């Protein structure tokens, strides 16, 4: 999915390897998203303000949250129903 979204290979590698992203704005997005997940939404204003300072908006913060809701719902549904992974995605499981 990241390749189809035209995310640079360096950023994809950094995400997969757990290293710093080459773009500070993308790193801020990563940090915000991870904090949202790690803290189950209770991450405090500091992390939100860091995201806003990096150039994102409150609307975009809500879009991240909405994306996580859809992803988690999909993952939980697939786990519950034992959906088989399509061949194209198997290398990433």
Protein backbone atom coordinates (compact mmCIF):
# COMPACT_ATOMS: atom_id res chain seq x y z
CA UNK A 1 0.00 0.00 0.00
CA UNK A 2 2.83 2.39 0.75
CA UNK A 3 4.31 1.98 -2.73
CA UNK A 4 0.92 2.65 -4.35
CA UNK A 5 0.70 5.81 -2.21
CA UNK A 6 4.04 6.90 -3.70
CA UNK A 7 5.85 6.93 -0.38
CA UNK A 8 9.60 7.06 -1.03
CA UNK A 9 11.51 3.78 -0.63
CA UNK A 10 13.74 5.39 2.05
CA UNK A 11 10.67 6.13 4.17
CA UNK A 12 9.28 2.62 3.70
CA UNK A 13 12.63 1.12 4.71
CA UNK A 14 12.82 3.35 7.79
CA UNK A 15 9.32 2.33 8.89
CA UNK A 16 10.06 -1.35 8.40
CA UNK A 17 13.43 -1.12 10.17
CA UNK A 18 12.26 1.10 13.02
CA UNK A 19 14.73 3.86 12.17
CA UNK A 20 14.20 7.60 11.82
CA UNK A 21 12.36 8.76 8.72
CA UNK A 22 14.29 10.92 6.27
CA UNK A 23 11.58 13.61 6.32
CA UNK A 24 10.84 15.48 9.56
CA UNK A 25 7.17 16.02 8.70
CA UNK A 26 6.68 12.30 8.01
CA UNK A 27 8.51 11.52 11.26
CA UNK A 28 6.07 13.77 13.12
CA UNK A 29 3.16 11.92 11.50
CA UNK A 30 4.70 8.58 12.49
CA UNK A 31 5.28 9.75 16.08
CA UNK A 32 1.73 11.09 16.36
CA UNK A 33 0.20 7.89 14.98
CA UNK A 34 2.34 5.67 17.21
CA UNK A 35 1.50 7.75 20.29
CA UNK A 36 -2.20 7.53 19.43
CA UNK A 37 -1.98 3.73 19.25
CA UNK A 38 0.40 3.20 22.16
CA UNK A 39 -1.70 5.35 24.49
CA UNK A 40 -5.09 4.21 23.21
CA UNK A 41 -5.97 7.77 22.31
CA UNK A 42 -4.87 9.29 25.64
CA UNK A 43 -1.65 10.86 24.46
CA UNK A 44 -2.11 14.39 25.81
CA UNK A 45 -1.90 17.74 24.12
CA UNK A 46 1.89 17.78 23.78
CA UNK A 47 1.96 15.10 21.06
CA UNK A 48 -0.94 16.76 19.23
CA UNK A 49 0.82 20.12 19.43
CA UNK A 50 4.02 18.56 18.04
CA UNK A 51 1.99 17.34 15.07
CA UNK A 52 0.43 20.77 14.60
CA UNK A 53 3.87 22.40 14.82
CA UNK A 54 5.11 20.06 12.08
CA UNK A 55 2.46 21.46 9.75
CA UNK A 56 -0.48 19.14 10.23
CA UNK A 57 -3.97 20.32 11.16
CA UNK A 58 -6.50 19.12 13.72
CA UNK A 59 -8.58 17.86 10.83
CA UNK A 60 -5.64 15.75 9.64
CA UNK A 61 -5.22 14.42 13.20
CA UNK A 62 -8.84 13.24 13.03
CA UNK A 63 -8.15 11.70 9.61
CA UNK A 64 -5.29 9.70 11.17
CA UNK A 65 -7.67 8.54 13.90
CA UNK A 66 -10.32 7.59 11.32
CA UNK A 67 -7.74 5.65 9.31
CA UNK A 68 -6.72 3.75 12.44
CA UNK A 69 -10.35 2.94 13.22
CA UNK A 70 -10.84 1.42 9.79
CA UNK A 71 -7.54 -0.48 9.93
CA UNK A 72 -8.17 -1.89 13.40
CA UNK A 73 -11.73 -2.86 12.48
CA UNK A 74 -10.46 -4.62 9.37
CA UNK A 75 -7.69 -6.42 11.28
CA UNK A 76 -10.05 -7.55 14.05
CA UNK A 77 -12.64 -8.73 11.52
CA UNK A 78 -10.03 -10.68 9.56
CA UNK A 79 -8.70 -12.27 12.75
CA UNK A 80 -12.17 -13.21 13.94
CA UNK A 81 -13.25 -14.69 10.61
CA UNK A 82 -9.85 -16.20 9.74
CA UNK A 83 -9.72 -14.38 6.42
CA UNK A 84 -6.94 -15.75 4.23
CA UNK A 85 -4.20 -13.30 3.30
CA UNK A 86 -4.08 -12.58 -0.42
CA UNK A 87 -0.88 -13.67 -2.16
CA UNK A 88 0.28 -10.12 -2.86
CA UNK A 89 0.32 -9.32 0.87
CA UNK A 90 1.89 -12.55 2.19
CA UNK A 91 5.48 -11.23 2.07
CA UNK A 92 4.44 -8.54 4.60
CA UNK A 93 2.73 -10.78 7.14
